[in-house]
Each structure stands twice: as structure tokens, then as C-alpha cells.
Amino acid sequence: MTKVNYVEASGTVHAVEADAGITAMEAAVKNGVPGIDGDCGGAAACATCHVYVDTAWIARTGPAGEGLEKSMLEFAEDVTEASRLACQITLSDALDGLVLRLPDRQH
């Protein structure tokens, strides 16, 4: 199991335990984390799972992928270097304790 901490813009933390191999978006949706909609079901086609990877975790998750992920982030609001689509972050034991911050609002 991989623990992921989703931090709302208000500071409220939602700690979720999820199986390795699913995405951070799937884990959030399955556990009712507010602010992660995942309208496209994980196809990187909507940007409703936009998150900010905590700076301590960026080296492990990597930056937004070239192509589809970066293109979809163009539709998200307040994009930064730490922005990722949660549907493109596959959980693994190496990401146990991952901290993802949620934007004020999703597109």
C-alpha cells in the first residue's frame, strides 16, 4: 500500500492508502478526495485532476510528461513547475508518503 497525502488549498489533509499500480487520480476518486474530479477517467484529456507535487517529491514523480500531459496542463489554471495531472502519476512503493497539493479550483 502507498500512502498519499492530498492537501486542499485550505490546508485540510486527506491521507489515503492505495494499491501500488493505480494512479494518484484513481486513489483520490475512489476515496472521495474533494477537488479531484477525473472527468476523463484518467485519459489525460481534461485536466480536472491537476495537482501540485510537493517540492520534496518532484524528483521521484518527475516533471509533467512531454506531449499530452503538458498540452492538457495548458487548460488548467495557475500552472507551475510543480503541476502534474494526477492521472499521470502511477503510485509505487517509492512514492509512499507522497504529498500532492490541490489548486483552489479545477478547470
PDB file of N, CA and C in Angstrom:
ATOM      1  N   MET A   1       0.849  -1.189   0.000  1.00  0.00           N
ATOM      2  CA  MET A   1       0.000   0.000   0.000  1.00  0.00           C
ATOM      3  C   MET A   1       0.890   1.246   0.000  1.00  0.00           C
ATOM      4  N   THR A   2       0.405   2.248  -0.690  1.00  0.00           N
ATOM      5  CA  THR A   2       1.107   3.521  -0.789  1.00  0.00           C
ATOM      6  C   THR A   2       0.238   4.594  -0.155  1.00  0.00           C
ATOM      7  N   LYS A   3       0.824   5.371   0.736  1.00  0.00           N
ATOM      8  CA  LYS A   3       0.092   6.469   1.375  1.00  0.00           C
ATOM      9  C   LYS A   3       0.309   7.734   0.542  1.00  0.00           C
ATOM     10  N   VAL A   4      -0.798   8.416   0.257  1.00  0.00           N
ATOM     11  CA  VAL A   4      -0.745   9.690  -0.460  1.00  0.00           C
ATOM     12  C   VAL A   4      -1.479  10.720   0.384  1.00  0.00           C
ATOM     13  N   ASN A   5      -0.861  11.871   0.571  1.00  0.00           N
ATOM     14  CA  ASN A   5      -1.466  12.971   1.320  1.00  0.00           C
ATOM     15  C   ASN A   5      -1.889  14.049   0.337  1.00  0.00           C
ATOM     16  N   TYR A   6      -3.196  14.222   0.200  1.00  0.00           N
ATOM     17  CA  TYR A   6      -3.761  15.259  -0.657  1.00  0.00           C
ATOM     18  C   TYR A   6      -4.063  16.449   0.234  1.00  0.00           C
ATOM     19  N   VAL A   7      -3.496  17.604  -0.085  1.00  0.00           N
ATOM     20  CA  VAL A   7      -3.659  18.789   0.742  1.00  0.00           C
ATOM     21  C   VAL A   7      -4.498  19.811  -0.012  1.00  0.00           C
ATOM     22  N   GLU A   8      -5.688  20.087   0.511  1.00  0.00           N
ATOM     23  CA  GLU A   8      -6.560  21.091  -0.099  1.00  0.00           C
ATOM     24  C   GLU A   8      -5.928  22.470   0.037  1.00  0.00           C
ATOM     25  N   ALA A   9      -6.364  23.416  -0.773  1.00  0.00           N
ATOM     26  CA  ALA A   9      -5.863  24.792  -0.703  1.00  0.00           C
ATOM     27  C   ALA A   9      -6.089  25.383   0.691  1.00  0.00           C
ATOM     28  N   SER A  10      -7.122  24.916   1.385  1.00  0.00           N
ATOM     29  CA  SER A  10      -7.424  25.396   2.739  1.00  0.00           C
ATOM     30  C   SER A  10      -6.481  24.824   3.785  1.00  0.00           C
ATOM     31  N   GLY A  11      -5.708  23.796   3.402  1.00  0.00           N
ATOM     32  CA  GLY A  11      -4.792  23.147   4.333  1.00  0.00           C
ATOM     33  C   GLY A  11      -5.297  21.812   4.856  1.00  0.00           C
ATOM     34  N   THR A  12      -6.551  21.483   4.585  1.00  0.00           N
ATOM     35  CA  THR A  12      -7.106  20.205   5.020  1.00  0.00           C
ATOM     36  C   THR A  12      -6.384  19.064   4.299  1.00  0.00           C
ATOM     37  N   VAL A  13      -5.942  18.073   5.065  1.00  0.00           N
ATOM     38  CA  VAL A  13      -5.205  16.940   4.515  1.00  0.00           C
ATOM     39  C   VAL A  13      -6.108  15.714   4.450  1.00  0.00           C
ATOM     40  N   HIS A  14      -6.061  15.028   3.324  1.00  0.00           N
ATOM     41  CA  HIS A  14      -6.764  13.765   3.140  1.00  0.00           C
ATOM     42  C   HIS A  14      -5.698  12.697   2.920  1.00  0.00           C
ATOM     43  N   ALA A  15      -5.459  11.873   3.929  1.00  0.00           N
ATOM     44  CA  ALA A  15      -4.478  10.795   3.828  1.00  0.00           C
ATOM     45  C   ALA A  15      -5.184   9.554   3.294  1.00  0.00           C
ATOM     46  N   VAL A  16      -4.660   9.020   2.207  1.00  0.00           N
ATOM     47  CA  VAL A  16      -5.279   7.894   1.519  1.00  0.00           C
ATOM     48  C   VAL A  16      -4.259   6.769   1.383  1.00  0.00           C
ATOM     49  N   GLU A  17      -4.687   5.549   1.641  1.00  0.00           N
ATOM     50  CA  GLU A  17      -3.872   4.353   1.385  1.00  0.00           C
ATOM     51  C   GLU A  17      -4.381   3.737   0.083  1.00  0.00           C
ATOM     52  N   ALA A  18      -3.473   3.458  -0.840  1.00  0.00           N
ATOM     53  CA  ALA A  18      -3.875   2.924  -2.139  1.00  0.00           C
ATOM     54  C   ALA A  18      -2.912   1.840  -2.589  1.00  0.00           C
ATOM     55  N   ASP A  19      -3.400   0.960  -3.436  1.00  0.00           N
ATOM     56  CA  ASP A  19      -2.554  -0.087  -4.001  1.00  0.00           C
ATOM     57  C   ASP A  19      -1.562   0.510  -4.982  1.00  0.00           C
ATOM     58  N   ALA A  20      -0.345  -0.001  -4.957  1.00  0.00           N
ATOM     59  CA  ALA A  20       0.634   0.385  -5.964  1.00  0.00           C
ATOM     60  C   ALA A  20       0.098  -0.037  -7.324  1.00  0.00           C
ATOM     61  N   GLY A  21       0.403   0.754  -8.342  1.00  0.00           N
ATOM     62  CA  GLY A  21      -0.020   0.434  -9.698  1.00  0.00           C
ATOM     63  C   GLY A  21      -1.216   1.228 -10.183  1.00  0.00           C
ATOM     64  N   ILE A  22      -1.967   1.845  -9.261  1.00  0.00           N
ATOM     65  CA  ILE A  22      -3.048   2.718  -9.712  1.00  0.00           C
ATOM     66  C   ILE A  22      -2.525   4.140  -9.716  1.00  0.00           C
ATOM     67  N   THR A  23      -3.272   5.040 -10.312  1.00  0.00           N
ATOM     68  CA  THR A  23      -2.808   6.420 -10.384  1.00  0.00           C
ATOM     69  C   THR A  23      -3.259   7.218  -9.162  1.00  0.00           C
ATOM     70  N   ALA A  24      -2.608   8.331  -8.945  1.00  0.00           N
ATOM     71  CA  ALA A  24      -2.980   9.224  -7.842  1.00  0.00           C
ATOM     72  C   ALA A  24      -4.398   9.756  -8.043  1.00  0.00           C
ATOM     73  N   MET A  25      -4.832   9.916  -9.284  1.00  0.00           N
ATOM     74  CA  MET A  25      -6.210  10.337  -9.558  1.00  0.00           C
ATOM     75  C   MET A  25      -7.190   9.250  -9.153  1.00  0.00           C
ATOM     76  N   GLU A  26      -6.918   8.002  -9.524  1.00  0.00           N
ATOM     77  CA  GLU A  26      -7.805   6.895  -9.166  1.00  0.00           C
ATOM     78  C   GLU A  26      -7.928   6.766  -7.649  1.00  0.00           C
ATOM     79  N   ALA A  27      -6.811   6.883  -6.949  1.00  0.00           N
ATOM     80  CA  ALA A  27      -6.822   6.783  -5.490  1.00  0.00           C
ATOM     81  C   ALA A  27      -7.668   7.891  -4.879  1.00  0.00           C
ATOM     82  N   ALA A  28      -7.556   9.105  -5.416  1.00  0.00           N
ATOM     83  CA  ALA A  28      -8.325  10.237  -4.895  1.00  0.00           C
ATOM     84  C   ALA A  28      -9.819  10.051  -5.139  1.00  0.00           C
ATOM     85  N   VAL A  29     -10.179   9.661  -6.359  1.00  0.00           N
ATOM     86  CA  VAL A  29     -11.592   9.491  -6.699  1.00  0.00           C
ATOM     87  C   VAL A  29     -12.205   8.364  -5.870  1.00  0.00           C
ATOM     88  N   LYS A  30     -11.515   7.233  -5.757  1.00  0.00           N
ATOM     89  CA  LYS A  30     -12.032   6.087  -5.001  1.00  0.00           C
ATOM     90  C   LYS A  30     -12.229   6.413  -3.524  1.00  0.00           C
ATOM     91  N   ASN A  31     -11.471   7.401  -3.031  1.00  0.00           N
ATOM     92  CA  ASN A  31     -11.539   7.751  -1.613  1.00  0.00           C
ATOM     93  C   ASN A  31     -12.247   9.079  -1.356  1.00  0.00           C
ATOM     94  N   GLY A  32     -12.898   9.616  -2.367  1.00  0.00           N
ATOM     95  CA  GLY A  32     -13.708  10.813  -2.198  1.00  0.00           C
ATOM     96  C   GLY A  32     -12.949  12.075  -1.845  1.00  0.00           C
ATOM     97  N   VAL A  33     -11.730  12.198  -2.328  1.00  0.00           N
ATOM     98  CA  VAL A  33     -10.952  13.414  -2.075  1.00  0.00           C
ATOM     99  C   VAL A  33     -11.581  14.558  -2.870  1.00  0.00           C
ATOM    100  N   PRO A  34     -12.052  15.604  -2.182  1.00  0.00           N
ATOM    101  CA  PRO A  34     -12.667  16.718  -2.907  1.00  0.00           C
ATOM    102  C   PRO A  34     -11.626  17.493  -3.722  1.00  0.00           C
ATOM    103  N   GLY A  35     -12.029  17.920  -4.915  1.00  0.00           N
ATOM    104  CA  GLY A  35     -11.135  18.712  -5.749  1.00  0.00           C
ATOM    105  C   GLY A  35     -10.427  17.916  -6.822  1.00  0.00           C
ATOM    106  N   ILE A  36     -10.552  16.596  -6.792  1.00  0.00           N
ATOM    107  CA  ILE A  36     -10.016  15.751  -7.857  1.00  0.00           C
ATOM    108  C   ILE A  36     -11.222  15.110  -8.525  1.00  0.00           C
ATOM    109  N   ASP A  37     -11.545  15.596  -9.723  1.00  0.00           N
ATOM    110  CA  ASP A  37     -12.734  15.110 -10.412  1.00  0.00           C
ATOM    111  C   ASP A  37     -12.441  13.942 -11.345  1.00  0.00           C
ATOM    112  N   GLY A  38     -11.363  14.036 -12.103  1.00  0.00           N
ATOM    113  CA  GLY A  38     -11.029  12.967 -13.038  1.00  0.00           C
ATOM    114  C   GLY A  38     -12.123  12.720 -14.057  1.00  0.00           C
ATOM    115  N   ASP A  39     -12.667  13.789 -14.625  1.00  0.00           N
ATOM    116  CA  ASP A  39     -13.793  13.689 -15.550  1.00  0.00           C
ATOM    117  C   ASP A  39     -13.529  12.776 -16.747  1.00  0.00           C
ATOM    118  N   CYS A  40     -12.287  12.711 -17.206  1.00  0.00           N
ATOM    119  CA  CYS A  40     -11.998  11.897 -18.393  1.00  0.00           C
ATOM    120  C   CYS A  40     -11.643  10.463 -18.035  1.00  0.00           C
ATOM    121  N   GLY A  41     -11.648  10.127 -16.764  1.00  0.00           N
ATOM    122  CA  GLY A  41     -11.368   8.764 -16.350  1.00  0.00           C
ATOM    123  C   GLY A  41      -9.900   8.384 -16.375  1.00  0.00           C
ATOM    124  N   GLY A  42      -9.029   9.345 -16.528  1.00  0.00           N
ATOM    125  CA  GLY A  42      -7.598   9.060 -16.499  1.00  0.00           C
ATOM    126  C   GLY A  42      -6.916   9.053 -17.843  1.00  0.00           C
ATOM    127  N   ALA A  43      -7.570   9.595 -18.856  1.00  0.00           N
ATOM    128  CA  ALA A  43      -7.008   9.605 -20.213  1.00  0.00           C
ATOM    129  C   ALA A  43      -6.176  10.847 -20.510  1.00  0.00           C
ATOM    130  N   ALA A  44      -5.906  11.671 -19.491  1.00  0.00           N
ATOM    131  CA  ALA A  44      -5.153  12.919 -19.672  1.00  0.00           C
ATOM    132  C   ALA A  44      -5.820  13.807 -20.709  1.00  0.00           C
ATOM    133  N   ALA A  45      -7.163  13.879 -20.642  1.00  0.00           N
ATOM    134  CA  ALA A  45      -7.910  14.635 -21.638  1.00  0.00           C
ATOM    135  C   ALA A  45      -8.790  15.723 -21.041  1.00  0.00           C
ATOM    136  N   CYS A  46      -8.578  16.069 -19.749  1.00  0.00           N
ATOM    137  CA  CYS A  46      -9.483  17.078 -19.190  1.00  0.00           C
ATOM    138  C   CYS A  46      -8.830  18.033 -18.178  1.00  0.00           C
ATOM    139  N   ALA A  47      -7.763  17.669 -17.541  1.00  0.00           N
ATOM    140  CA  ALA A  47      -7.062  18.490 -16.540  1.00  0.00           C
ATOM    141  C   ALA A  47      -7.857  18.723 -15.258  1.00  0.00           C
ATOM    142  N   THR A  48      -8.875  17.885 -14.982  1.00  0.00           N
ATOM    143  CA  THR A  48      -9.633  18.041 -13.734  1.00  0.00           C
ATOM    144  C   THR A  48      -9.012  17.257 -12.578  1.00  0.00           C
ATOM    145  N   CYS A  49      -7.786  16.813 -12.776  1.00  0.00           N
ATOM    146  CA  CYS A  49      -7.037  16.178 -11.695  1.00  0.00           C
ATOM    147  C   CYS A  49      -5.694  16.882 -11.504  1.00  0.00           C
ATOM    148  N   HIS A  50      -5.663  18.161 -11.864  1.00  0.00           N
ATOM    149  CA  HIS A  50      -4.461  18.983 -11.719  1.00  0.00           C
ATOM    150  C   HIS A  50      -4.046  19.030 -10.251  1.00  0.00           C
ATOM    151  N   VAL A  51      -2.781  18.757  -9.979  1.00  0.00           N
ATOM    152  CA  VAL A  51      -2.223  18.841  -8.626  1.00  0.00           C
ATOM    153  C   VAL A  51      -0.857  19.501  -8.689  1.00  0.00           C
ATOM    154  N   TYR A  52      -0.388  19.922  -7.527  1.00  0.00           N
ATOM    155  CA  TYR A  52       0.979  20.419  -7.387  1.00  0.00           C
ATOM    156  C   TYR A  52       1.745  19.387  -6.570  1.00  0.00           C
ATOM    157  N   VAL A  53       2.803  18.845  -7.133  1.00  0.00           N
ATOM    158  CA  VAL A  53       3.629  17.887  -6.410  1.00  0.00           C
ATOM    159  C   VAL A  53       4.490  18.678  -5.426  1.00  0.00           C
ATOM    160  N   ASP A  54       4.450  18.271  -4.167  1.00  0.00           N
ATOM    161  CA  ASP A  54       5.281  18.918  -3.158  1.00  0.00           C
ATOM    162  C   ASP A  54       6.739  18.866  -3.609  1.00  0.00           C
ATOM    163  N   THR A  55       7.470  19.946  -3.376  1.00  0.00           N
ATOM    164  CA  THR A  55       8.849  20.049  -3.872  1.00  0.00           C
ATOM    165  C   THR A  55       9.740  18.887  -3.420  1.00  0.00           C
ATOM    166  N   ALA A  56       9.470  18.330  -2.250  1.00  0.00           N
ATOM    167  CA  ALA A  56      10.275  17.210  -1.763  1.00  0.00           C
ATOM    168  C   ALA A  56      10.065  15.939  -2.590  1.00  0.00           C
ATOM    169  N   TRP A  57       9.025  15.903  -3.417  1.00  0.00           N
ATOM    170  CA  TRP A  57       8.669  14.699  -4.172  1.00  0.00           C
ATOM    171  C   TRP A  57       8.864  14.827  -5.674  1.00  0.00           C
ATOM    172  N   ILE A  58       9.169  15.995  -6.165  1.00  0.00           N
ATOM    173  CA  ILE A  58       9.271  16.197  -7.611  1.00  0.00           C
ATOM    174  C   ILE A  58      10.314  15.293  -8.257  1.00  0.00           C
ATOM    175  N   ALA A  59      11.440  15.091  -7.602  1.00  0.00           N
ATOM    176  CA  ALA A  59      12.476  14.228  -8.186  1.00  0.00           C
ATOM    177  C   ALA A  59      11.977  12.799  -8.361  1.00  0.00           C
ATOM    178  N   ARG A  60      11.078  12.352  -7.477  1.00  0.00           N
ATOM    179  CA  ARG A  60      10.573  10.977  -7.558  1.00  0.00           C
ATOM    180  C   ARG A  60       9.432  10.834  -8.563  1.00  0.00           C
ATOM    181  N   THR A  61       8.580  11.847  -8.663  1.00  0.00           N
ATOM    182  CA  THR A  61       7.465  11.757  -9.611  1.00  0.00           C
ATOM    183  C   THR A  61       7.885  12.172 -11.004  1.00  0.00           C
ATOM    184  N   GLY A  62       8.887  13.036 -11.075  1.00  0.00           N
ATOM    185  CA  GLY A  62       9.308  13.596 -12.347  1.00  0.00           C
ATOM    186  C   GLY A  62       8.408  14.757 -12.732  1.00  0.00           C
ATOM    187  N   PRO A  63       8.829  15.537 -13.707  1.00  0.00           N
ATOM    188  CA  PRO A  63       8.020  16.653 -14.184  1.00  0.00           C
ATOM    189  C   PRO A  63       6.895  16.164 -15.086  1.00  0.00           C
ATOM    190  N   ALA A  64       6.029  17.056 -15.448  1.00  0.00           N
ATOM    191  CA  ALA A  64       4.945  16.717 -16.392  1.00  0.00           C
ATOM    192  C   ALA A  64       5.549  16.169 -17.675  1.00  0.00           C
ATOM    193  N   GLY A  65       4.934  15.123 -18.184  1.00  0.00           N
ATOM    194  CA  GLY A  65       5.429  14.481 -19.391  1.00  0.00           C
ATOM    195  C   GLY A  65       5.230  15.346 -20.623  1.00  0.00           C
ATOM    196  N   GLU A  66       6.168  15.259 -21.524  1.00  0.00           N
ATOM    197  CA  GLU A  66       6.043  15.975 -22.796  1.00  0.00           C
ATOM    198  C   GLU A  66       4.830  15.447 -23.553  1.00  0.00           C
ATOM    199  N   GLY A  67       4.262  16.269 -24.371  1.00  0.00           N
ATOM    200  CA  GLY A  67       3.139  15.825 -25.191  1.00  0.00           C
ATOM    201  C   GLY A  67       1.809  16.031 -24.500  1.00  0.00           C
ATOM    202  N   LEU A  68       1.069  14.942 -24.346  1.00  0.00           N
ATOM    203  CA  LEU A  68      -0.315  15.000 -23.882  1.00  0.00           C
ATOM    204  C   LEU A  68      -0.467  15.673 -22.519  1.00  0.00           C
ATOM    205  N   GLU A  69       0.336  15.265 -21.529  1.00  0.00           N
ATOM    206  CA  GLU A  69       0.178  15.851 -20.195  1.00  0.00           C
ATOM    207  C   GLU A  69       0.451  17.354 -20.205  1.00  0.00           C
ATOM    208  N   LYS A  70       1.546  17.759 -20.806  1.00  0.00           N
ATOM    209  CA  LYS A  70       1.851  19.199 -20.872  1.00  0.00           C
ATOM    210  C   LYS A  70       0.792  19.957 -21.655  1.00  0.00           C
ATOM    211  N   SER A  71       0.287  19.361 -22.714  1.00  0.00           N
ATOM    212  CA  SER A  71      -0.759  20.011 -23.502  1.00  0.00           C
ATOM    213  C   SER A  71      -2.015  20.227 -22.673  1.00  0.00           C
ATOM    214  N   MET A  72      -2.411  19.223 -21.905  1.00  0.00           N
ATOM    215  CA  MET A  72      -3.620  19.351 -21.086  1.00  0.00           C
ATOM    216  C   MET A  72      -3.421  20.355 -19.955  1.00  0.00           C
ATOM    217  N   LEU A  73      -2.233  20.453 -19.421  1.00  0.00           N
ATOM    218  CA  LEU A  73      -1.982  21.420 -18.354  1.00  0.00           C
ATOM    219  C   LEU A  73      -2.165  22.852 -18.839  1.00  0.00           C
ATOM    220  N   GLU A  74      -2.087  23.070 -20.152  1.00  0.00           N
ATOM    221  CA  GLU A  74      -2.331  24.404 -20.695  1.00  0.00           C
ATOM    222  C   GLU A  74      -3.763  24.856 -20.427  1.00  0.00           C
ATOM    223  N   PHE A  75      -4.665  23.911 -20.192  1.00  0.00           N
ATOM    224  CA  PHE A  75      -6.058  24.234 -19.917  1.00  0.00           C
ATOM    225  C   PHE A  75      -6.338  24.411 -18.422  1.00  0.00           C
ATOM    226  N   ALA A  76      -5.387  24.044 -17.584  1.00  0.00           N
ATOM    227  CA  ALA A  76      -5.551  24.181 -16.136  1.00  0.00           C
ATOM    228  C   ALA A  76      -5.215  25.613 -15.723  1.00  0.00           C
ATOM    229  N   GLU A  77      -5.719  26.002 -14.563  1.00  0.00           N
ATOM    230  CA  GLU A  77      -5.436  27.335 -14.050  1.00  0.00           C
ATOM    231  C   GLU A  77      -4.259  27.289 -13.085  1.00  0.00           C
ATOM    232  N   ASP A  78      -3.507  28.380 -13.024  1.00  0.00           N
ATOM    233  CA  ASP A  78      -2.405  28.538 -12.070  1.00  0.00           C
ATOM    234  C   ASP A  78      -1.377  27.416 -12.153  1.00  0.00           C
ATOM    235  N   VAL A  79      -0.964  27.075 -13.348  1.00  0.00           N
ATOM    236  CA  VAL A  79       0.034  26.030 -13.560  1.00  0.00           C
ATOM    237  C   VAL A  79       1.408  26.531 -13.132  1.00  0.00           C
ATOM    238  N   THR A  80       2.161  25.660 -12.465  1.00  0.00           N
ATOM    239  CA  THR A  80       3.531  25.964 -12.039  1.00  0.00           C
ATOM    240  C   THR A  80       4.447  24.827 -12.489  1.00  0.00           C
ATOM    241  N   GLU A  81       5.726  24.930 -12.182  1.00  0.00           N
ATOM    242  CA  GLU A  81       6.674  23.861 -12.495  1.00  0.00           C
ATOM    243  C   GLU A  81       6.342  22.573 -11.745  1.00  0.00           C
ATOM    244  N   ALA A  82       5.618  22.695 -10.641  1.00  0.00           N
ATOM    245  CA  ALA A  82       5.246  21.530  -9.828  1.00  0.00           C
ATOM    246  C   ALA A  82       3.930  20.905 -10.278  1.00  0.00           C
ATOM    247  N   SER A  83       3.291  21.464 -11.297  1.00  0.00           N
ATOM    248  CA  SER A  83       1.997  20.967 -11.763  1.00  0.00           C
ATOM    249  C   SER A  83       2.130  19.622 -12.462  1.00  0.00           C
ATOM    250  N   ARG A  84       1.191  18.746 -12.146  1.00  0.00           N
ATOM    251  CA  ARG A  84       1.071  17.449 -12.811  1.00  0.00           C
ATOM    252  C   ARG A  84      -0.403  17.111 -12.908  1.00  0.00           C
ATOM    253  N   LEU A  85      -0.737  16.191 -13.784  1.00  0.00           N
ATOM    254  CA  LEU A  85      -2.060  15.590 -13.799  1.00  0.00           C
ATOM    255  C   LEU A  85      -1.946  14.334 -12.939  1.00  0.00           C
ATOM    256  N   ALA A  86      -2.807  14.225 -11.919  1.00  0.00           N
ATOM    257  CA  ALA A  86      -2.731  13.087 -11.010  1.00  0.00           C
ATOM    258  C   ALA A  86      -2.952  11.763 -11.739  1.00  0.00           C
ATOM    259  N   CYS A  87      -3.644  11.805 -12.872  1.00  0.00           N
ATOM    260  CA  CYS A  87      -3.868  10.580 -13.643  1.00  0.00           C
ATOM    261  C   CYS A  87      -2.594  10.081 -14.312  1.00  0.00           C
ATOM    262  N   GLN A  88      -1.558  10.885 -14.311  1.00  0.00           N
ATOM    263  CA  GLN A  88      -0.299  10.505 -14.940  1.00  0.00           C
ATOM    264  C   GLN A  88       0.772  10.144 -13.914  1.00  0.00           C
ATOM    265  N   ILE A  89       0.393  10.097 -12.645  1.00  0.00           N
ATOM    266  CA  ILE A  89       1.319   9.694 -11.575  1.00  0.00           C
ATOM    267  C   ILE A  89       0.900   8.310 -11.102  1.00  0.00           C
ATOM    268  N   THR A  90       1.683   7.311 -11.459  1.00  0.00           N
ATOM    269  CA  THR A  90       1.389   5.942 -11.037  1.00  0.00           C
ATOM    270  C   THR A  90       2.027   5.697  -9.676  1.00  0.00           C
ATOM    271  N   LEU A  91       1.219   5.253  -8.741  1.00  0.00           N
ATOM    272  CA  LEU A  91       1.697   5.035  -7.380  1.00  0.00           C
ATOM    273  C   LEU A  91       2.573   3.786  -7.299  1.00  0.00           C
ATOM    274  N   SER A  92       3.581   3.875  -6.449  1.00  0.00           N
ATOM    275  CA  SER A  92       4.504   2.761  -6.225  1.00  0.00           C
ATOM    276  C   SER A  92       5.035   2.869  -4.802  1.00  0.00           C
ATOM    277  N   ASP A  93       5.737   1.838  -4.358  1.00  0.00           N
ATOM    278  CA  ASP A  93       6.330   1.872  -3.025  1.00  0.00           C
ATOM    279  C   ASP A  93       7.276   3.061  -2.869  1.00  0.00           C
ATOM    280  N   ALA A  94       7.935   3.464  -3.954  1.00  0.00           N
ATOM    281  CA  ALA A  94       8.866   4.595  -3.904  1.00  0.00           C
ATOM    282  C   ALA A  94       8.150   5.914  -3.645  1.00  0.00           C
ATOM    283  N   LEU A  95       6.826   5.953  -3.846  1.00  0.00           N
ATOM    284  CA  LEU A  95       6.058   7.177  -3.621  1.00  0.00           C
ATOM    285  C   LEU A  95       5.270   7.139  -2.315  1.00  0.00           C
ATOM    286  N   ASP A  96       5.574   6.185  -1.434  1.00  0.00           N
ATOM    287  CA  ASP A  96       4.882   6.094  -0.149  1.00  0.00           C
ATOM    288  C   ASP A  96       5.113   7.373   0.654  1.00  0.00           C
ATOM    289  N   GLY A  97       4.029   8.066   0.997  1.00  0.00           N
ATOM    290  CA  GLY A  97       4.116   9.333   1.721  1.00  0.00           C
ATOM    291  C   GLY A  97       3.986  10.550   0.824  1.00  0.00           C
ATOM    292  N   LEU A  98       3.771  10.333  -0.465  1.00  0.00           N
ATOM    293  CA  LEU A  98       3.665  11.411  -1.456  1.00  0.00           C
ATOM    294  C   LEU A  98       2.714  12.510  -0.986  1.00  0.00           C
ATOM    295  N   VAL A  99       3.113  13.759  -1.212  1.00  0.00           N
ATOM    296  CA  VAL A  99       2.280  14.911  -0.880  1.00  0.00           C
ATOM    297  C   VAL A  99       1.901  15.629  -2.166  1.00  0.00           C
ATOM    298  N   LEU A 100       0.592  15.712  -2.397  1.00  0.00           N
ATOM    299  CA  LEU A 100       0.054  16.413  -3.561  1.00  0.00           C
ATOM    300  C   LEU A 100      -0.848  17.538  -3.073  1.00  0.00           C
ATOM    301  N   ARG A 101      -0.575  18.734  -3.524  1.00  0.00           N
ATOM    302  CA  ARG A 101      -1.385  19.905  -3.132  1.00  0.00           C
ATOM    303  C   ARG A 101      -2.407  20.186  -4.222  1.00  0.00           C
ATOM    304  N   LEU A 102      -3.613  20.528  -3.801  1.00  0.00           N
ATOM    305  CA  LEU A 102      -4.694  20.772  -4.746  1.00  0.00           C
ATOM    306  C   LEU A 102      -4.836  22.262  -5.019  1.00  0.00           C
ATOM    307  N   PRO A 103      -5.140  22.628  -6.252  1.00  0.00           N
ATOM    308  CA  PRO A 103      -5.364  24.040  -6.571  1.00  0.00           C
ATOM    309  C   PRO A 103      -6.674  24.539  -5.936  1.00  0.00           C
ATOM    310  N   ASP A 104      -6.834  25.841  -5.926  1.00  0.00           N
ATOM    311  CA  ASP A 104      -8.077  26.432  -5.389  1.00  0.00           C
ATOM    312  C   ASP A 104      -9.299  25.916  -6.129  1.00  0.00           C
ATOM    313  N   ARG A 105      -9.145  25.691  -7.444  1.00  0.00           N
ATOM    314  CA  ARG A 105     -10.257  25.200  -8.250  1.00  0.00           C
ATOM    315  C   ARG A 105      -9.705  24.441  -9.458  1.00  0.00           C
ATOM    316  N   GLN A 106     -10.545  23.567 -10.000  1.00  0.00           N
ATOM    317  CA  GLN A 106     -10.172  22.827 -11.201  1.00  0.00           C
ATOM    318  C   GLN A 106     -10.882  23.450 -12.388  1.00  0.00           C
ATOM    319  N   HIS A 107     -10.332  23.247 -13.567  1.00  0.00           N
ATOM    320  CA  HIS A 107     -10.930  23.768 -14.800  1.00  0.00           C
ATOM    321  C   HIS A 107     -12.164  22.978 -15.138  1.00  0.00           C
TER     322      HIS A 107
END
